[in-house]
Amino acid sequence: MTEYIATFHTHLSAMRTQRALANLGVSARLAPVPRYLSASCGTCVLYTAKQPFLERMDADVERVVERLPQGETFVELLTHL
């Protein structure tokens, strides 16, 4: 399983995406955005899955990154800045 972080321009978009992922059976939770990723709305969705489910992101998604095993190293998967 891979860890992903999705950031959003609005809190509502983060909530919608968390619900959409949960409805697919994905372990997803709302959390504060790590400062080194974004200042956006301040809320991100942390989720663990076999795939990033980019098509399930709300339209107001800012970016989706994959967390690498080294810790605070990421691979950019989607950016809408």
C-alpha atoms as a PDB file:
ATOM      1  CA  MET A   1       0.000   0.000   0.000  1.00  0.00           C
ATOM      2  CA  THR A   2       1.097   3.541  -0.717  1.00  0.00           C
ATOM      3  CA  GLU A   3       0.524   6.704   1.318  1.00  0.00           C
ATOM      4  CA  TYR A   4      -0.873   9.750  -0.501  1.00  0.00           C
ATOM      5  CA  ILE A   5      -1.580  13.339   0.504  1.00  0.00           C
ATOM      6  CA  ALA A   6      -4.144  15.431  -1.383  1.00  0.00           C
ATOM      7  CA  THR A   7      -4.347  19.191  -0.762  1.00  0.00           C
ATOM      8  CA  PHE A   8      -7.251  21.423  -1.736  1.00  0.00           C
ATOM      9  CA  HIS A   9      -8.139  25.066  -2.268  1.00  0.00           C
ATOM     10  CA  THR A  10     -11.219  24.697  -0.016  1.00  0.00           C
ATOM     11  CA  HIS A  11     -12.129  22.716   3.093  1.00  0.00           C
ATOM     12  CA  LEU A  12     -15.383  21.556   1.436  1.00  0.00           C
ATOM     13  CA  SER A  13     -13.438  19.917  -1.407  1.00  0.00           C
ATOM     14  CA  ALA A  14     -11.275  18.065   1.098  1.00  0.00           C
ATOM     15  CA  MET A  15     -14.395  16.771   2.873  1.00  0.00           C
ATOM     16  CA  ARG A  16     -16.008  15.686  -0.422  1.00  0.00           C
ATOM     17  CA  THR A  17     -12.894  13.800  -1.484  1.00  0.00           C
ATOM     18  CA  GLN A  18     -12.503  12.107   1.895  1.00  0.00           C
ATOM     19  CA  ARG A  19     -16.106  10.872   1.636  1.00  0.00           C
ATOM     20  CA  ALA A  20     -15.640   9.687  -1.968  1.00  0.00           C
ATOM     21  CA  LEU A  21     -12.538   7.694  -1.021  1.00  0.00           C
ATOM     22  CA  ALA A  22     -14.204   6.253   2.097  1.00  0.00           C
ATOM     23  CA  ASN A  23     -17.141   5.107  -0.068  1.00  0.00           C
ATOM     24  CA  LEU A  24     -14.614   3.101  -2.114  1.00  0.00           C
ATOM     25  CA  GLY A  25     -13.337   1.428   1.053  1.00  0.00           C
ATOM     26  CA  VAL A  26     -10.120   3.479   1.125  1.00  0.00           C
ATOM     27  CA  SER A  27      -8.717   4.442   4.522  1.00  0.00           C
ATOM     28  CA  ALA A  28      -8.827   8.266   4.279  1.00  0.00           C
ATOM     29  CA  ARG A  29      -8.835  11.002   6.909  1.00  0.00           C
ATOM     30  CA  LEU A  30      -8.795  14.780   7.087  1.00  0.00           C
ATOM     31  CA  ALA A  31      -5.655  16.328   8.586  1.00  0.00           C
ATOM     32  CA  PRO A  32      -3.765  19.633   8.710  1.00  0.00           C
ATOM     33  CA  VAL A  33      -1.682  20.251   5.579  1.00  0.00           C
ATOM     34  CA  PRO A  34       2.070  19.906   6.152  1.00  0.00           C
ATOM     35  CA  ARG A  35       3.515  23.435   5.688  1.00  0.00           C
ATOM     36  CA  TYR A  36       6.192  22.232   3.270  1.00  0.00           C
ATOM     37  CA  LEU A  37       3.443  21.089   0.855  1.00  0.00           C
ATOM     38  CA  SER A  38       0.995  23.992   0.858  1.00  0.00           C
ATOM     39  CA  ALA A  39      -0.750  26.708   2.800  1.00  0.00           C
ATOM     40  CA  SER A  40      -3.997  26.296   0.798  1.00  0.00           C
ATOM     41  CA  CYS A  41      -7.141  25.849   2.905  1.00  0.00           C
ATOM     42  CA  GLY A  42      -5.154  24.169   5.669  1.00  0.00           C
ATOM     43  CA  THR A  43      -6.880  20.776   5.343  1.00  0.00           C
ATOM     44  CA  CYS A  44      -5.627  17.765   3.405  1.00  0.00           C
ATOM     45  CA  VAL A  45      -6.747  14.185   2.914  1.00  0.00           C
ATOM     46  CA  LEU A  46      -4.272  11.517   3.999  1.00  0.00           C
ATOM     47  CA  TYR A  47      -5.028   8.125   2.498  1.00  0.00           C
ATOM     48  CA  THR A  48      -3.460   4.734   1.946  1.00  0.00           C
ATOM     49  CA  ALA A  49      -4.312   2.766  -1.180  1.00  0.00           C
ATOM     50  CA  LYS A  50      -2.880   0.631  -3.988  1.00  0.00           C
ATOM     51  CA  GLN A  51      -3.545   3.440  -6.490  1.00  0.00           C
ATOM     52  CA  PRO A  52      -3.914   7.241  -6.178  1.00  0.00           C
ATOM     53  CA  PHE A  53      -7.596   7.450  -7.317  1.00  0.00           C
ATOM     54  CA  LEU A  54      -6.911  10.788  -9.068  1.00  0.00           C
ATOM     55  CA  GLU A  55     -10.277  10.547 -10.845  1.00  0.00           C
ATOM     56  CA  ARG A  56     -12.035  10.659  -7.440  1.00  0.00           C
ATOM     57  CA  MET A  57     -10.509  14.003  -6.428  1.00  0.00           C
ATOM     58  CA  ASP A  58     -12.906  16.929  -6.130  1.00  0.00           C
ATOM     59  CA  ALA A  59     -12.572  19.583  -8.860  1.00  0.00           C
ATOM     60  CA  ASP A  60     -10.948  21.994  -6.387  1.00  0.00           C
ATOM     61  CA  VAL A  61      -7.943  19.730  -5.732  1.00  0.00           C
ATOM     62  CA  GLU A  62      -4.649  21.608  -5.479  1.00  0.00           C
ATOM     63  CA  ARG A  63      -2.173  18.727  -5.624  1.00  0.00           C
ATOM     64  CA  VAL A  64      -1.735  15.014  -4.902  1.00  0.00           C
ATOM     65  CA  VAL A  65       1.602  13.604  -3.802  1.00  0.00           C
ATOM     66  CA  GLU A  66       2.866  10.127  -2.991  1.00  0.00           C
ATOM     67  CA  ARG A  67       4.880   9.861   0.222  1.00  0.00           C
ATOM     68  CA  LEU A  68       8.101   7.932  -0.323  1.00  0.00           C
ATOM     69  CA  PRO A  69       9.453   5.524   2.312  1.00  0.00           C
ATOM     70  CA  GLN A  70      12.252   7.976   3.233  1.00  0.00           C
ATOM     71  CA  GLY A  71       9.739  10.101   5.157  1.00  0.00           C
ATOM     72  CA  GLU A  72       9.238  13.686   4.074  1.00  0.00           C
ATOM     73  CA  THR A  73      10.107  13.008   0.427  1.00  0.00           C
ATOM     74  CA  PHE A  74       7.299  13.105  -2.127  1.00  0.00           C
ATOM     75  CA  VAL A  75       6.518  12.390  -5.762  1.00  0.00           C
ATOM     76  CA  GLU A  76       4.153  14.901  -7.375  1.00  0.00           C
ATOM     77  CA  LEU A  77       1.235  13.087  -9.079  1.00  0.00           C
ATOM     78  CA  LEU A  78      -1.165  15.955  -9.827  1.00  0.00           C
ATOM     79  CA  THR A  79      -0.888  19.742  -9.584  1.00  0.00           C
ATOM     80  CA  HIS A  80      -3.599  22.396 -10.111  1.00  0.00           C
ATOM     81  CA  LEU A  81      -2.015  25.450  -8.519  1.00  0.00           C
END
